[in-house]
Amino acid sequence: MRLDFTTIKEVFESQDSQEFEIGSSFEKNAISFRFGYWQKADVEKIKQIIPVYLKVIENEIYDDDCGWKYYYDVVDSRFN
């Protein structure tokens, strides 16, 4: 899966965060986005920016020290 840099930049700028990370995902044919320190993001804004064949999955993890942590898998649905 590939995303153009301008698309990635637009996704980052659409969120209320000063930090943005892109990483590998546990999902096949996917990448992972993380905003700030595991901040909750506006999934609808992300969906409006990325190509229609990509699906955004919000994942949440509860941490006893920090509360809820969020990260987002972007999956290429053409291969599922």
Protein backbone atom coordinates (compact mmCIF):
# COMPACT_ATOMS: atom_id res chain seq x y z
CA MET A 1 0.00 0.00 0.00
CA ARG A 2 1.20 3.50 -0.79
CA LEU A 3 0.06 6.93 0.30
CA ASP A 4 1.27 10.14 -1.27
CA PHE A 5 3.16 12.47 1.07
CA THR A 6 0.64 15.27 0.47
CA THR A 7 -2.16 12.92 1.62
CA ILE A 8 -0.25 11.98 4.77
CA LYS A 9 0.46 15.65 5.48
CA GLU A 10 -3.22 16.51 5.02
CA VAL A 11 -4.23 13.74 7.45
CA PHE A 12 -1.79 15.08 10.05
CA GLU A 13 -2.95 18.68 9.60
CA SER A 14 -6.62 17.64 9.92
CA GLN A 15 -6.11 16.52 13.51
CA ASP A 16 -5.63 18.57 16.68
CA SER A 17 -2.16 17.23 17.40
CA GLN A 18 1.43 18.44 17.30
CA GLU A 19 2.82 14.92 16.77
CA PHE A 20 2.10 12.23 14.23
CA GLU A 21 3.60 8.77 13.75
CA ILE A 22 3.27 6.25 10.94
CA GLY A 23 4.16 2.66 11.68
CA SER A 24 3.64 -0.93 10.77
CA SER A 25 0.38 -2.57 11.70
CA PHE A 26 -0.58 -5.99 12.99
CA GLU A 27 -3.17 -6.02 10.20
CA LYS A 28 -2.17 -7.37 6.80
CA ASN A 29 -1.97 -4.75 4.00
CA ALA A 30 -2.14 -1.90 6.52
CA ILE A 31 -0.22 0.91 8.14
CA SER A 32 -0.81 2.47 11.53
CA PHE A 33 -1.30 6.15 12.44
CA ARG A 34 -0.82 7.58 15.90
CA PHE A 35 -1.49 11.18 16.90
CA GLY A 36 0.21 12.87 19.85
CA TYR A 37 0.55 10.63 22.87
CA TRP A 38 -2.09 8.11 21.77
CA GLN A 39 -4.72 10.84 21.26
CA LYS A 40 -8.20 10.14 19.95
CA ALA A 41 -8.50 11.37 16.37
CA ASP A 42 -11.40 12.46 14.19
CA VAL A 43 -11.85 9.34 12.04
CA GLU A 44 -14.39 11.02 9.75
CA LYS A 45 -11.83 13.65 8.74
CA ILE A 46 -9.30 10.94 7.95
CA LYS A 47 -11.87 9.05 5.85
CA GLN A 48 -12.57 12.20 3.81
CA ILE A 49 -8.88 12.59 2.95
CA ILE A 50 -7.62 9.10 2.15
CA PRO A 51 -8.59 7.18 -1.02
CA VAL A 52 -11.97 5.39 -0.89
CA TYR A 53 -10.42 1.92 -1.14
CA LEU A 54 -8.72 2.42 2.24
CA LYS A 55 -10.54 1.68 5.49
CA VAL A 56 -9.76 3.35 8.84
CA ILE A 57 -10.04 1.21 11.96
CA GLU A 58 -9.90 2.90 15.37
CA ASN A 59 -8.16 0.77 18.00
CA GLU A 60 -8.21 1.54 21.70
CA ILE A 61 -6.19 0.18 24.59
CA TYR A 62 -6.85 0.91 28.25
CA ASP A 63 -3.78 1.68 30.34
CA ASP A 64 -4.15 1.80 34.15
CA ASP A 65 -1.71 4.71 34.35
CA CYS A 66 -2.82 6.80 31.36
CA GLY A 67 -6.39 5.80 30.56
CA TRP A 68 -7.48 5.17 26.97
CA LYS A 69 -4.89 5.13 24.20
CA TYR A 70 -5.84 5.25 20.52
CA TYR A 71 -4.17 4.27 17.27
CA TYR A 72 -5.57 3.88 13.78
CA ASP A 73 -5.01 1.17 11.22
CA VAL A 74 -5.40 2.15 7.59
CA VAL A 75 -6.19 -1.02 5.66
CA ASP A 76 -6.18 -1.50 1.91
CA SER A 77 -9.59 -3.15 1.46
CA ARG A 78 -8.83 -4.17 -2.14
CA PHE A 79 -6.88 -7.14 -0.78
CA ASN A 80 -9.36 -8.38 1.84
